[in-house]
Amino acid sequence: MSEPETTPDGRYLLIRGRRWRASDPLLPDRVRERLVRHLMSARRAVAAARRAGDPESERGARERVGWAKQGLGERGVPWWEMPGDERRRRWEEALHRLDDR
């Protein structure tokens, strides 16, 4: 699979004509891998909860998706508007919340 096209400033990915916020390029590779692993697990949990008709589990799984995406810099305050120490705190908090589940 080829890398998706990005905007010239690197802030967005262009996928099928749609812009998606890119992950924070400041993320260390190991942190990015952990957050992506949490994200994929949470997305699978959302699907399983929907199939089971379990709204409480779905809410919890969606919250995990949100934390993973926050940590990746894909939600919340745009990473390019934050100083490096705030960006680091954001991904550390996300990992703390996700690892404790």
Protein backbone atom coordinates (compact mmCIF):
# COMPACT_ATOMS: atom_id res chain seq x y z
CA MET A 1 0.00 0.00 0.00
CA SER A 2 1.38 3.42 -0.93
CA GLU A 3 1.62 6.36 1.45
CA PRO A 4 -1.35 8.72 1.28
CA GLU A 5 -0.91 12.12 -0.30
CA THR A 6 -0.47 15.01 2.13
CA THR A 7 -1.05 18.73 1.95
CA PRO A 8 2.13 20.75 1.31
CA ASP A 9 2.30 21.76 4.99
CA GLY A 10 2.02 18.11 6.13
CA ARG A 11 -0.94 18.83 8.38
CA TYR A 12 -3.51 16.76 6.49
CA LEU A 13 -3.72 13.49 4.60
CA LEU A 14 -5.76 13.49 1.39
CA ILE A 15 -7.77 10.32 1.01
CA ARG A 16 -10.34 9.96 -1.77
CA GLY A 17 -10.68 13.72 -2.01
CA ARG A 18 -11.16 14.22 1.71
CA ARG A 19 -8.80 15.89 4.18
CA TRP A 20 -7.95 14.09 7.43
CA ARG A 21 -5.71 15.56 10.11
CA ALA A 22 -2.30 13.90 10.09
CA SER A 23 -0.79 12.43 13.24
CA ASP A 24 1.64 14.57 15.19
CA PRO A 25 5.06 14.20 13.53
CA LEU A 26 6.73 14.82 16.91
CA LEU A 27 5.47 11.44 18.20
CA PRO A 28 8.28 8.96 18.80
CA ASP A 29 7.80 5.78 16.74
CA ARG A 30 7.18 3.57 19.79
CA VAL A 31 4.54 5.99 21.13
CA ARG A 32 2.83 6.16 17.73
CA GLU A 33 2.80 2.35 17.50
CA ARG A 34 1.26 2.02 20.97
CA LEU A 35 -1.42 4.61 20.22
CA VAL A 36 -2.26 3.01 16.88
CA ARG A 37 -2.50 -0.40 18.56
CA HIS A 38 -4.92 1.08 21.14
CA LEU A 39 -6.90 2.77 18.34
CA MET A 40 -7.31 -0.41 16.31
CA SER A 41 -8.29 -2.41 19.41
CA ALA A 42 -10.86 0.20 20.37
CA ARG A 43 -12.31 0.28 16.84
CA ARG A 44 -12.70 -3.51 16.93
CA ALA A 45 -14.42 -3.15 20.32
CA VAL A 46 -16.84 -0.57 18.88
CA ALA A 47 -17.77 -3.00 16.10
CA ALA A 48 -18.20 -5.91 18.52
CA ALA A 49 -20.37 -3.82 20.86
CA ARG A 50 -22.54 -2.69 17.97
CA ARG A 51 -23.00 -6.27 16.77
CA ALA A 52 -23.91 -7.30 20.33
CA GLY A 53 -26.31 -4.37 20.75
CA ASP A 54 -24.41 -3.22 23.86
CA PRO A 55 -24.58 0.60 23.99
CA GLU A 56 -22.62 0.86 27.26
CA SER A 57 -19.68 -1.09 25.85
CA GLU A 58 -19.90 0.91 22.65
CA ARG A 59 -19.65 4.18 24.59
CA GLY A 60 -16.58 2.92 26.43
CA ALA A 61 -14.95 1.75 23.21
CA ARG A 62 -15.70 5.07 21.48
CA GLU A 63 -14.12 6.89 24.42
CA ARG A 64 -10.99 4.78 23.91
CA VAL A 65 -11.01 5.66 20.20
CA GLY A 66 -11.23 9.33 21.17
CA TRP A 67 -8.29 9.11 23.58
CA ALA A 68 -6.15 7.31 21.02
CA LYS A 69 -6.95 9.91 18.36
CA GLN A 70 -6.27 12.72 20.85
CA GLY A 71 -2.91 11.18 21.67
CA LEU A 72 -2.05 10.87 17.99
CA GLY A 73 -2.89 14.57 17.57
CA GLU A 74 -5.77 13.83 15.21
CA ARG A 75 -8.40 15.38 17.50
CA GLY A 76 -8.49 18.29 19.88
CA VAL A 77 -6.25 21.31 19.53
CA PRO A 78 -4.25 20.96 16.30
CA TRP A 79 -0.71 19.80 17.06
CA TRP A 80 0.80 22.62 15.00
CA GLU A 81 -0.80 25.15 17.39
CA MET A 82 0.76 23.59 20.50
CA PRO A 83 4.28 23.86 21.90
CA GLY A 84 6.25 20.61 22.06
CA ASP A 85 5.86 20.13 25.81
CA GLU A 86 2.05 20.34 25.56
CA ARG A 87 2.04 17.90 22.67
CA ARG A 88 4.11 15.47 24.75
CA ARG A 89 1.77 15.85 27.75
CA ARG A 90 -1.20 15.12 25.49
CA TRP A 91 0.17 11.81 24.21
CA GLU A 92 1.42 10.82 27.68
CA GLU A 93 -2.04 11.46 29.17
CA ALA A 94 -3.70 9.48 26.39
CA LEU A 95 -1.38 6.52 26.93
CA HIS A 96 -1.90 6.69 30.69
CA ARG A 97 -5.69 6.57 30.25
CA LEU A 98 -5.56 3.85 27.61
CA ASP A 99 -3.00 1.64 29.40
CA ASP A 100 -5.10 1.75 32.59
CA ARG A 101 -8.12 0.17 30.85
